[in-house]
Amino acid sequence: MIAFVIDITERFEQQERIKRFNAELKSLNESLERKVSERTLVLREALQELENSRDELSISLEKEKELNEMKTRFISMASHEFRTPLSTIMSSVSLIGKYPKEEDQDKREKHINRIKNAVTGLTEILNDFLSIGKLEEGRIIANLATHDINGLIEEVITEVQPICKAGQYITFTDGKPLELMVDKQMIRNVMFNLLSNAIKFSPENSTIRVVTGRIDEHVVISVSDEGIGISDDDKQSLFERFFRGRNVSNIQGTGLGLHIVAKYLELLHGDISFTSELGKGTTFTFRIPLQNA
């Protein structure tokens, strides 16, 4: 008989070492994959933050650019708008002194009225500047109370009569008595802006029509003039800040009035629309809900 004896202890140890190595390798691979996933996630988040920062920076730069452009327009417009009425006041004050006699009273009153109109214009400009600042900062809140809309409109019409041009006439057609929950000062400012625009952009001996009524659950008020009208190109931008139509460059104005009107009506849960044709006039119509919250 022949017998062979082989010691396989070393083989088993090698196999065990290989198994442990494979297990360690698998664990290392899994750990590496986790780290790669984590690093990839961190990288993605960093890239997303970088993208967001770039977007925020782009928006900030656009806002800064818009602000600088607005400041430039404001300075240019303010210097022009203030210069004209101030020159009128200075010239009229100088001329009044040349009419000391009692029979010159008509001439004195003419210059006094010019001064009053110039001061009214300056006040209007300053009110626009103050209003737009407060509106943009959200510092104006509607103080709602029940008011007679027709009575408020009649008061504003009386106030703007002195600035009407020669032969201009304002007609007021009201429906049934209209009581509405609104902010009195906001409605007055809306009507004053619309009426002063109608006066400003209409010729002498023209009629401005104000009509109030009720349609469904809204009070509807319209102001119509026979003025120069609005071109199709200008209609899209009419309620933007500092916007002025191409055909009104020779007429005094800040370009803020209609923007302020739209903001006030927004605070009153209302809206405004208009129809216009060049050379034939414009009609602005705004609505305010009867059940105002």
C-alpha atoms as a PDB file:
ATOM      1  CA  MET A   1       0.000   0.000   0.000  1.00  0.00           C
ATOM      2  CA  ILE A   2       1.199   3.459  -0.839  1.00  0.00           C
ATOM      3  CA  ALA A   3      -0.265   6.540   0.918  1.00  0.00           C
ATOM      4  CA  PHE A   4       0.175  10.267   0.147  1.00  0.00           C
ATOM      5  CA  VAL A   5      -0.338  12.896   2.824  1.00  0.00           C
ATOM      6  CA  ILE A   6      -0.786  16.533   1.706  1.00  0.00           C
ATOM      7  CA  ASP A   7      -1.060  19.412   4.186  1.00  0.00           C
ATOM      8  CA  ILE A   8      -3.816  21.786   2.827  1.00  0.00           C
ATOM      9  CA  THR A   9      -3.752  24.133   5.808  1.00  0.00           C
ATOM     10  CA  GLU A  10      -1.891  26.787   3.845  1.00  0.00           C
ATOM     11  CA  ARG A  11      -4.383  26.483   0.946  1.00  0.00           C
ATOM     12  CA  PHE A  12      -7.309  27.047   3.318  1.00  0.00           C
ATOM     13  CA  GLU A  13      -5.542  30.027   4.882  1.00  0.00           C
ATOM     14  CA  GLN A  14      -4.915  31.517   1.437  1.00  0.00           C
ATOM     15  CA  GLN A  15      -8.583  30.993   0.520  1.00  0.00           C
ATOM     16  CA  GLU A  16      -9.635  32.688   3.766  1.00  0.00           C
ATOM     17  CA  ARG A  17      -7.276  35.569   3.085  1.00  0.00           C
ATOM     18  CA  ILE A  18      -8.708  35.880  -0.444  1.00  0.00           C
ATOM     19  CA  LYS A  19     -12.251  35.883   0.994  1.00  0.00           C
ATOM     20  CA  ARG A  20     -11.314  38.565   3.545  1.00  0.00           C
ATOM     21  CA  PHE A  21      -9.574  40.575   0.819  1.00  0.00           C
ATOM     22  CA  ASN A  22     -12.621  40.329  -1.443  1.00  0.00           C
ATOM     23  CA  ALA A  23     -14.874  41.381   1.429  1.00  0.00           C
ATOM     24  CA  GLU A  24     -12.613  44.314   2.233  1.00  0.00           C
ATOM     25  CA  LEU A  25     -12.434  45.216  -1.455  1.00  0.00           C
ATOM     26  CA  LYS A  26     -16.227  45.079  -1.700  1.00  0.00           C
ATOM     27  CA  SER A  27     -16.536  47.227   1.419  1.00  0.00           C
ATOM     28  CA  LEU A  28     -14.009  49.693   0.012  1.00  0.00           C
ATOM     29  CA  ASN A  29     -15.891  49.821  -3.287  1.00  0.00           C
ATOM     30  CA  GLU A  30     -19.179  50.435  -1.493  1.00  0.00           C
ATOM     31  CA  SER A  31     -17.552  53.128   0.661  1.00  0.00           C
ATOM     32  CA  LEU A  32     -15.991  54.691  -2.412  1.00  0.00           C
ATOM     33  CA  GLU A  33     -19.328  54.674  -4.235  1.00  0.00           C
ATOM     34  CA  ARG A  34     -20.982  56.321  -1.224  1.00  0.00           C
ATOM     35  CA  LYS A  35     -18.274  58.968  -1.070  1.00  0.00           C
ATOM     36  CA  VAL A  36     -18.520  59.544  -4.821  1.00  0.00           C
ATOM     37  CA  SER A  37     -22.297  59.884  -4.497  1.00  0.00           C
ATOM     38  CA  GLU A  38     -21.931  62.239  -1.544  1.00  0.00           C
ATOM     39  CA  ARG A  39     -19.279  64.317  -3.310  1.00  0.00           C
ATOM     40  CA  THR A  40     -21.405  64.351  -6.479  1.00  0.00           C
ATOM     41  CA  LEU A  41     -24.403  65.525  -4.447  1.00  0.00           C
ATOM     42  CA  VAL A  42     -22.298  68.216  -2.770  1.00  0.00           C
ATOM     43  CA  LEU A  43     -20.956  69.256  -6.168  1.00  0.00           C
ATOM     44  CA  ARG A  44     -24.473  69.410  -7.607  1.00  0.00           C
ATOM     45  CA  GLU A  45     -25.651  71.502  -4.659  1.00  0.00           C
ATOM     46  CA  ALA A  46     -22.661  73.786  -5.056  1.00  0.00           C
ATOM     47  CA  LEU A  47     -23.335  74.118  -8.760  1.00  0.00           C
ATOM     48  CA  GLN A  48     -27.018  74.827  -8.037  1.00  0.00           C
ATOM     49  CA  GLU A  49     -26.081  77.456  -5.459  1.00  0.00           C
ATOM     50  CA  LEU A  50     -23.655  78.947  -7.935  1.00  0.00           C
ATOM     51  CA  GLU A  51     -26.395  79.009 -10.563  1.00  0.00           C
ATOM     52  CA  ASN A  52     -28.825  80.597  -8.095  1.00  0.00           C
ATOM     53  CA  SER A  53     -26.196  83.150  -7.074  1.00  0.00           C
ATOM     54  CA  ARG A  54     -25.570  83.952 -10.715  1.00  0.00           C
ATOM     55  CA  ASP A  55     -29.314  84.415 -11.291  1.00  0.00           C
ATOM     56  CA  GLU A  56     -29.615  86.577  -8.163  1.00  0.00           C
ATOM     57  CA  LEU A  57     -26.615  88.611  -9.242  1.00  0.00           C
ATOM     58  CA  SER A  58     -28.105  89.022 -12.697  1.00  0.00           C
ATOM     59  CA  ILE A  59     -31.424  90.141 -11.210  1.00  0.00           C
ATOM     60  CA  SER A  60     -29.628  92.521  -8.838  1.00  0.00           C
ATOM     61  CA  LEU A  61     -27.640  93.985 -11.708  1.00  0.00           C
ATOM     62  CA  GLU A  62     -30.819  94.440 -13.748  1.00  0.00           C
ATOM     63  CA  LYS A  63     -32.509  96.135 -10.794  1.00  0.00           C
ATOM     64  CA  GLU A  64     -29.462  98.341 -10.267  1.00  0.00           C
ATOM     65  CA  LYS A  65     -29.467  99.220 -13.949  1.00  0.00           C
ATOM     66  CA  GLU A  66     -33.189  99.955 -13.859  1.00  0.00           C
ATOM     67  CA  LEU A  67     -32.731 102.066 -10.722  1.00  0.00           C
ATOM     68  CA  ASN A  68     -29.920 104.072 -12.311  1.00  0.00           C
ATOM     69  CA  GLU A  69     -31.988 104.617 -15.449  1.00  0.00           C
ATOM     70  CA  MET A  70     -34.944 105.660 -13.304  1.00  0.00           C
ATOM     71  CA  LYS A  71     -32.761 108.096 -11.350  1.00  0.00           C
ATOM     72  CA  THR A  72     -31.469 109.560 -14.610  1.00  0.00           C
ATOM     73  CA  ARG A  73     -34.998 109.933 -15.983  1.00  0.00           C
ATOM     74  CA  PHE A  74     -36.177 111.387 -12.689  1.00  0.00           C
ATOM     75  CA  ILE A  75     -33.420 114.004 -12.543  1.00  0.00           C
ATOM     76  CA  SER A  76     -33.940 114.948 -16.184  1.00  0.00           C
ATOM     77  CA  MET A  77     -37.710 115.100 -15.865  1.00  0.00           C
ATOM     78  CA  ALA A  78     -37.713 116.890 -12.487  1.00  0.00           C
ATOM     79  CA  SER A  79     -35.304 119.568 -13.640  1.00  0.00           C
ATOM     80  CA  HIS A  80     -37.471 120.234 -16.680  1.00  0.00           C
ATOM     81  CA  GLU A  81     -40.826 120.052 -14.899  1.00  0.00           C
ATOM     82  CA  PHE A  82     -39.780 122.360 -12.061  1.00  0.00           C
ATOM     83  CA  ARG A  83     -38.038 124.865 -14.296  1.00  0.00           C
ATOM     84  CA  THR A  84     -41.156 125.743 -16.327  1.00  0.00           C
ATOM     85  CA  PRO A  85     -43.569 126.663 -13.472  1.00  0.00           C
ATOM     86  CA  LEU A  86     -40.815 128.382 -11.498  1.00  0.00           C
ATOM     87  CA  SER A  87     -40.000 130.539 -14.526  1.00  0.00           C
ATOM     88  CA  THR A  88     -43.706 131.358 -14.853  1.00  0.00           C
ATOM     89  CA  ILE A  89     -43.895 132.379 -11.191  1.00  0.00           C
ATOM     90  CA  MET A  90     -40.789 134.559 -11.423  1.00  0.00           C
ATOM     91  CA  SER A  91     -41.919 136.351 -14.568  1.00  0.00           C
ATOM     92  CA  SER A  92     -45.450 136.942 -13.239  1.00  0.00           C
ATOM     93  CA  VAL A  93     -44.166 138.247  -9.904  1.00  0.00           C
ATOM     94  CA  SER A  94     -41.892 140.671 -11.765  1.00  0.00           C
ATOM     95  CA  LEU A  95     -44.709 141.863 -14.026  1.00  0.00           C
ATOM     96  CA  ILE A  96     -47.252 142.389 -11.218  1.00  0.00           C
ATOM     97  CA  GLY A  97     -45.105 145.218  -9.882  1.00  0.00           C
ATOM     98  CA  LYS A  98     -45.506 147.054 -13.184  1.00  0.00           C
ATOM     99  CA  TYR A  99     -49.276 147.380 -12.736  1.00  0.00           C
ATOM    100  CA  PRO A 100     -49.727 149.467  -9.544  1.00  0.00           C
ATOM    101  CA  LYS A 101     -52.796 151.377 -10.694  1.00  0.00           C
ATOM    102  CA  GLU A 102     -56.338 150.370  -9.786  1.00  0.00           C
ATOM    103  CA  GLU A 103     -57.382 150.148 -13.444  1.00  0.00           C
ATOM    104  CA  ASP A 104     -54.667 147.495 -13.940  1.00  0.00           C
ATOM    105  CA  GLN A 105     -56.476 145.036 -11.674  1.00  0.00           C
ATOM    106  CA  ASP A 106     -57.368 142.738 -14.611  1.00  0.00           C
ATOM    107  CA  LYS A 107     -53.712 142.477 -15.589  1.00  0.00           C
ATOM    108  CA  ARG A 108     -52.682 141.781 -12.010  1.00  0.00           C
ATOM    109  CA  GLU A 109     -55.330 139.053 -11.686  1.00  0.00           C
ATOM    110  CA  LYS A 110     -54.089 137.484 -14.913  1.00  0.00           C
ATOM    111  CA  HIS A 111     -50.603 137.084 -13.484  1.00  0.00           C
ATOM    112  CA  ILE A 112     -51.942 136.016 -10.085  1.00  0.00           C
ATOM    113  CA  ASN A 113     -53.879 133.217 -11.831  1.00  0.00           C
ATOM    114  CA  ARG A 114     -50.709 132.214 -13.693  1.00  0.00           C
ATOM    115  CA  ILE A 115     -48.903 131.968 -10.369  1.00  0.00           C
ATOM    116  CA  LYS A 116     -51.734 129.918  -8.842  1.00  0.00           C
ATOM    117  CA  ASN A 117     -51.718 127.505 -11.795  1.00  0.00           C
ATOM    118  CA  ALA A 118     -47.925 127.162 -11.600  1.00  0.00           C
ATOM    119  CA  VAL A 119     -48.060 126.453  -7.854  1.00  0.00           C
ATOM    120  CA  THR A 120     -50.840 123.911  -8.450  1.00  0.00           C
ATOM    121  CA  GLY A 121     -48.653 122.221 -11.051  1.00  0.00           C
ATOM    122  CA  LEU A 122     -45.690 122.102  -8.677  1.00  0.00           C
ATOM    123  CA  THR A 123     -47.897 120.670  -5.932  1.00  0.00           C
ATOM    124  CA  GLU A 124     -49.165 118.015  -8.318  1.00  0.00           C
ATOM    125  CA  ILE A 125     -45.612 117.028  -9.259  1.00  0.00           C
ATOM    126  CA  LEU A 126     -44.528 116.818  -5.612  1.00  0.00           C
ATOM    127  CA  ASN A 127     -47.607 114.755  -4.711  1.00  0.00           C
ATOM    128  CA  ASP A 128     -46.782 112.337  -7.523  1.00  0.00           C
ATOM    129  CA  PHE A 129     -43.216 111.943  -6.283  1.00  0.00           C
ATOM    130  CA  LEU A 130     -44.338 111.357  -2.694  1.00  0.00           C
ATOM    131  CA  SER A 131     -47.103 108.945  -3.695  1.00  0.00           C
ATOM    132  CA  ILE A 132     -44.939 106.785  -5.953  1.00  0.00           C
ATOM    133  CA  GLY A 133     -42.310 106.395  -3.226  1.00  0.00           C
ATOM    134  CA  LYS A 134     -44.854 105.277  -0.631  1.00  0.00           C
ATOM    135  CA  LEU A 135     -46.655 102.983  -3.080  1.00  0.00           C
ATOM    136  CA  GLU A 136     -43.468 101.254  -4.228  1.00  0.00           C
ATOM    137  CA  GLU A 137     -42.426 100.682  -0.603  1.00  0.00           C
ATOM    138  CA  GLY A 138     -45.858  99.305   0.348  1.00  0.00           C
ATOM    139  CA  ARG A 139     -46.402 102.030   2.948  1.00  0.00           C
ATOM    140  CA  ILE A 140     -49.898 102.996   1.772  1.00  0.00           C
ATOM    141  CA  ILE A 141     -52.887 101.056   3.112  1.00  0.00           C
ATOM    142  CA  ALA A 142     -56.477 101.660   2.045  1.00  0.00           C
ATOM    143  CA  ASN A 143     -58.548 103.161   4.870  1.00  0.00           C
ATOM    144  CA  LEU A 144     -61.982 101.956   3.808  1.00  0.00           C
ATOM    145  CA  ALA A 145     -65.165 103.751   4.783  1.00  0.00           C
ATOM    146  CA  THR A 146     -68.579 104.276   3.167  1.00  0.00           C
ATOM    147  CA  HIS A 147     -68.699 107.362   0.929  1.00  0.00           C
ATOM    148  CA  ASP A 148     -71.017 108.944  -1.615  1.00  0.00           C
ATOM    149  CA  ILE A 149     -69.068 108.463  -4.847  1.00  0.00           C
ATOM    150  CA  ASN A 150     -71.026 111.055  -6.809  1.00  0.00           C
ATOM    151  CA  GLY A 151     -70.433 113.635  -4.086  1.00  0.00           C
ATOM    152  CA  LEU A 152     -66.672 112.940  -4.089  1.00  0.00           C
ATOM    153  CA  ILE A 153     -66.510 113.324  -7.867  1.00  0.00           C
ATOM    154  CA  GLU A 154     -68.423 116.615  -7.780  1.00  0.00           C
ATOM    155  CA  GLU A 155     -65.906 117.943  -5.234  1.00  0.00           C
ATOM    156  CA  VAL A 156     -62.952 117.032  -7.478  1.00  0.00           C
ATOM    157  CA  ILE A 157     -64.615 118.558 -10.552  1.00  0.00           C
ATOM    158  CA  THR A 158     -65.046 121.810  -8.612  1.00  0.00           C
ATOM    159  CA  GLU A 159     -61.377 121.716  -7.590  1.00  0.00           C
ATOM    160  CA  VAL A 160     -60.057 121.255 -11.159  1.00  0.00           C
ATOM    161  CA  GLN A 161     -62.295 123.905 -12.742  1.00  0.00           C
ATOM    162  CA  PRO A 162     -59.685 126.675 -12.232  1.00  0.00           C
ATOM    163  CA  ILE A 163     -57.085 124.801 -14.327  1.00  0.00           C
ATOM    164  CA  CYS A 164     -59.435 124.283 -17.286  1.00  0.00           C
ATOM    165  CA  LYS A 165     -58.360 125.925 -20.531  1.00  0.00           C
ATOM    166  CA  ALA A 166     -60.435 128.644 -22.195  1.00  0.00           C
ATOM    167  CA  GLY A 167     -63.801 127.244 -23.242  1.00  0.00           C
ATOM    168  CA  GLN A 168     -63.248 123.815 -21.684  1.00  0.00           C
ATOM    169  CA  TYR A 169     -66.309 122.385 -19.974  1.00  0.00           C
ATOM    170  CA  ILE A 170     -66.742 119.365 -17.691  1.00  0.00           C
ATOM    171  CA  THR A 171     -70.079 117.532 -17.752  1.00  0.00           C
ATOM    172  CA  PHE A 172     -71.054 115.054 -15.052  1.00  0.00           C
ATOM    173  CA  THR A 173     -73.699 112.400 -15.617  1.00  0.00           C
ATOM    174  CA  ASP A 174     -74.461 110.352 -12.524  1.00  0.00           C
ATOM    175  CA  GLY A 175     -76.802 107.460 -12.086  1.00  0.00           C
ATOM    176  CA  LYS A 176     -78.547 106.518  -8.899  1.00  0.00           C
ATOM    177  CA  PRO A 177     -76.934 107.477  -5.570  1.00  0.00           C
ATOM    178  CA  LEU A 178     -73.823 105.356  -5.196  1.00  0.00           C
ATOM    179  CA  GLU A 179     -72.437 104.570  -1.768  1.00  0.00           C
ATOM    180  CA  LEU A 180     -69.243 102.561  -1.780  1.00  0.00           C
ATOM    181  CA  MET A 181     -66.679 101.271   0.709  1.00  0.00           C
ATOM    182  CA  VAL A 182     -63.501 103.027  -0.470  1.00  0.00           C
ATOM    183  CA  ASP A 183     -60.556 105.129   0.640  1.00  0.00           C
ATOM    184  CA  LYS A 184     -61.739 108.704   0.101  1.00  0.00           C
ATOM    185  CA  GLN A 185     -58.299 110.182  -0.597  1.00  0.00           C
ATOM    186  CA  MET A 186     -57.417 107.452  -3.097  1.00  0.00           C
ATOM    187  CA  ILE A 187     -60.595 108.050  -5.105  1.00  0.00           C
ATOM    188  CA  ARG A 188     -59.952 111.788  -5.043  1.00  0.00           C
ATOM    189  CA  ASN A 189     -56.386 111.250  -6.310  1.00  0.00           C
ATOM    190  CA  VAL A 190     -57.569 108.892  -9.056  1.00  0.00           C
ATOM    191  CA  MET A 191     -60.197 111.367 -10.264  1.00  0.00           C
ATOM    192  CA  PHE A 192     -57.845 114.345  -9.970  1.00  0.00           C
ATOM    193  CA  ASN A 193     -55.212 112.583 -12.100  1.00  0.00           C
ATOM    194  CA  LEU A 194     -57.684 111.501 -14.775  1.00  0.00           C
ATOM    195  CA  LEU A 195     -59.392 114.911 -14.947  1.00  0.00           C
ATOM    196  CA  SER A 196     -56.153 116.909 -14.954  1.00  0.00           C
ATOM    197  CA  ASN A 197     -54.857 114.683 -17.780  1.00  0.00           C
ATOM    198  CA  ALA A 198     -58.060 115.202 -19.739  1.00  0.00           C
ATOM    199  CA  ILE A 199     -57.719 118.973 -19.302  1.00  0.00           C
ATOM    200  CA  LYS A 200     -54.018 118.958 -20.133  1.00  0.00           C
ATOM    201  CA  PHE A 201     -54.271 116.872 -23.313  1.00  0.00           C
ATOM    202  CA  SER A 202     -57.488 118.428 -24.677  1.00  0.00           C
ATOM    203  CA  PRO A 203     -57.723 121.644 -26.701  1.00  0.00           C
ATOM    204  CA  GLU A 204     -59.596 124.797 -25.786  1.00  0.00           C
ATOM    205  CA  ASN A 205     -63.395 124.823 -26.240  1.00  0.00           C
ATOM    206  CA  SER A 206     -63.623 121.053 -25.717  1.00  0.00           C
ATOM    207  CA  THR A 207     -65.865 118.972 -23.475  1.00  0.00           C
ATOM    208  CA  ILE A 208     -64.731 116.514 -20.807  1.00  0.00           C
ATOM    209  CA  ARG A 209     -67.369 113.984 -19.782  1.00  0.00           C
ATOM    210  CA  VAL A 210     -67.577 112.139 -16.462  1.00  0.00           C
ATOM    211  CA  VAL A 211     -70.115 109.317 -16.114  1.00  0.00           C
ATOM    212  CA  THR A 212     -70.843 107.111 -13.121  1.00  0.00           C
ATOM    213  CA  GLY A 213     -73.038 104.044 -12.936  1.00  0.00           C
ATOM    214  CA  ARG A 214     -73.371 100.480 -11.737  1.00  0.00           C
ATOM    215  CA  ILE A 215     -72.727  97.357 -13.791  1.00  0.00           C
ATOM    216  CA  ASP A 216     -73.348  94.012 -12.079  1.00  0.00           C
ATOM    217  CA  GLU A 217     -71.518  94.175  -8.741  1.00  0.00           C
ATOM    218  CA  HIS A 218     -69.235  97.087  -9.624  1.00  0.00           C
ATOM    219  CA  VAL A 219     -69.355 100.863  -9.551  1.00  0.00           C
ATOM    220  CA  VAL A 220     -68.096 102.022 -12.955  1.00  0.00           C
ATOM    221  CA  ILE A 221     -66.688 105.517 -13.578  1.00  0.00           C
ATOM    222  CA  SER A 222     -65.476 106.884 -16.912  1.00  0.00           C
ATOM    223  CA  VAL A 223     -63.643 110.065 -17.891  1.00  0.00           C
ATOM    224  CA  SER A 224     -63.714 110.981 -21.600  1.00  0.00           C
ATOM    225  CA  ASP A 225     -61.949 113.806 -23.418  1.00  0.00           C
ATOM    226  CA  GLU A 226     -61.616 115.172 -26.943  1.00  0.00           C
ATOM    227  CA  GLY A 227     -57.839 115.369 -26.792  1.00  0.00           C
ATOM    228  CA  ILE A 228     -54.851 114.236 -28.814  1.00  0.00           C
ATOM    229  CA  GLY A 229     -55.370 110.533 -28.138  1.00  0.00           C
ATOM    230  CA  ILE A 230     -52.862 107.712 -27.629  1.00  0.00           C
ATOM    231  CA  SER A 231     -50.982 105.895 -30.379  1.00  0.00           C
ATOM    232  CA  ASP A 232     -51.095 102.091 -30.657  1.00  0.00           C
ATOM    233  CA  ASP A 233     -47.357 101.897 -29.916  1.00  0.00           C
ATOM    234  CA  ASP A 234     -47.786 103.793 -26.638  1.00  0.00           C
ATOM    235  CA  LYS A 235     -50.817 101.892 -25.360  1.00  0.00           C
ATOM    236  CA  GLN A 236     -48.809  98.918 -24.081  1.00  0.00           C
ATOM    237  CA  SER A 237     -46.643 101.067 -21.789  1.00  0.00           C
ATOM    238  CA  LEU A 238     -49.190 103.635 -20.647  1.00  0.00           C
ATOM    239  CA  PHE A 239     -49.255 102.605 -16.955  1.00  0.00           C
ATOM    240  CA  GLU A 240     -45.485 102.224 -16.533  1.00  0.00           C
ATOM    241  CA  ARG A 241     -43.460 104.566 -14.316  1.00  0.00           C
ATOM    242  CA  PHE A 242     -42.208 107.753 -15.991  1.00  0.00           C
ATOM    243  CA  PHE A 243     -43.719 106.725 -19.337  1.00  0.00           C
ATOM    244  CA  ARG A 244     -44.817 109.561 -21.593  1.00  0.00           C
ATOM    245  CA  GLY A 245     -46.321 109.229 -25.050  1.00  0.00           C
ATOM    246  CA  ARG A 246     -44.404 110.319 -28.101  1.00  0.00           C
ATOM    247  CA  ASN A 247     -47.008 112.948 -28.924  1.00  0.00           C
ATOM    248  CA  VAL A 248     -46.927 114.695 -25.497  1.00  0.00           C
ATOM    249  CA  SER A 249     -43.266 115.672 -25.240  1.00  0.00           C
ATOM    250  CA  ASN A 250     -44.183 119.371 -25.403  1.00  0.00           C
ATOM    251  CA  ILE A 251     -46.811 119.074 -22.633  1.00  0.00           C
ATOM    252  CA  GLN A 252     -45.879 119.281 -18.967  1.00  0.00           C
ATOM    253  CA  GLY A 253     -46.095 116.037 -16.982  1.00  0.00           C
ATOM    254  CA  THR A 254     -44.157 113.547 -14.853  1.00  0.00           C
ATOM    255  CA  GLY A 255     -45.219 110.268 -16.450  1.00  0.00           C
ATOM    256  CA  LEU A 256     -46.257 109.016 -12.997  1.00  0.00           C
ATOM    257  CA  GLY A 257     -49.960 109.889 -12.828  1.00  0.00           C
ATOM    258  CA  LEU A 258     -51.451 106.821 -14.528  1.00  0.00           C
ATOM    259  CA  HIS A 259     -49.006 104.483 -12.793  1.00  0.00           C
ATOM    260  CA  ILE A 260     -50.187 105.891  -9.450  1.00  0.00           C
ATOM    261  CA  VAL A 261     -53.837 105.589 -10.536  1.00  0.00           C
ATOM    262  CA  ALA A 262     -53.363 101.883 -11.356  1.00  0.00           C
ATOM    263  CA  LYS A 263     -51.640 101.271  -8.004  1.00  0.00           C
ATOM    264  CA  TYR A 264     -54.421 102.986  -6.040  1.00  0.00           C
ATOM    265  CA  LEU A 265     -57.122 100.996  -7.839  1.00  0.00           C
ATOM    266  CA  GLU A 266     -55.188  97.797  -7.160  1.00  0.00           C
ATOM    267  CA  LEU A 267     -55.314  98.605  -3.437  1.00  0.00           C
ATOM    268  CA  LEU A 268     -59.087  99.136  -3.793  1.00  0.00           C
ATOM    269  CA  HIS A 269     -59.492  95.762  -5.575  1.00  0.00           C
ATOM    270  CA  GLY A 270     -60.447  97.608  -8.741  1.00  0.00           C
ATOM    271  CA  ASP A 271     -59.088  97.863 -12.278  1.00  0.00           C
ATOM    272  CA  ILE A 272     -58.789 100.392 -15.094  1.00  0.00           C
ATOM    273  CA  SER A 273     -59.008 100.214 -18.889  1.00  0.00           C
ATOM    274  CA  PHE A 274     -59.086 102.719 -21.719  1.00  0.00           C
ATOM    275  CA  THR A 275     -59.970 103.258 -25.339  1.00  0.00           C
ATOM    276  CA  SER A 276     -58.294 105.882 -27.474  1.00  0.00           C
ATOM    277  CA  GLU A 277     -57.798 107.062 -31.024  1.00  0.00           C
ATOM    278  CA  LEU A 278     -55.233 109.579 -32.191  1.00  0.00           C
ATOM    279  CA  GLY A 279     -56.749 113.009 -32.681  1.00  0.00           C
ATOM    280  CA  LYS A 280     -60.176 111.915 -31.424  1.00  0.00           C
ATOM    281  CA  GLY A 281     -59.779 111.604 -27.665  1.00  0.00           C
ATOM    282  CA  THR A 282     -59.472 109.033 -24.895  1.00  0.00           C
ATOM    283  CA  THR A 283     -61.835 107.388 -22.417  1.00  0.00           C
ATOM    284  CA  PHE A 284     -60.558 105.912 -19.157  1.00  0.00           C
ATOM    285  CA  THR A 285     -62.924 103.565 -17.310  1.00  0.00           C
ATOM    286  CA  PHE A 286     -62.297 102.148 -13.861  1.00  0.00           C
ATOM    287  CA  ARG A 287     -64.313  99.712 -11.763  1.00  0.00           C
ATOM    288  CA  ILE A 288     -64.502  99.130  -8.026  1.00  0.00           C
ATOM    289  CA  PRO A 289     -66.440  96.207  -6.483  1.00  0.00           C
ATOM    290  CA  LEU A 290     -69.500  97.112  -4.423  1.00  0.00           C
ATOM    291  CA  GLN A 291     -68.613  94.516  -1.789  1.00  0.00           C
ATOM    292  CA  ASN A 292     -65.139  95.830  -1.082  1.00  0.00           C
ATOM    293  CA  ALA A 293     -63.183  93.751   1.406  1.00  0.00           C
END
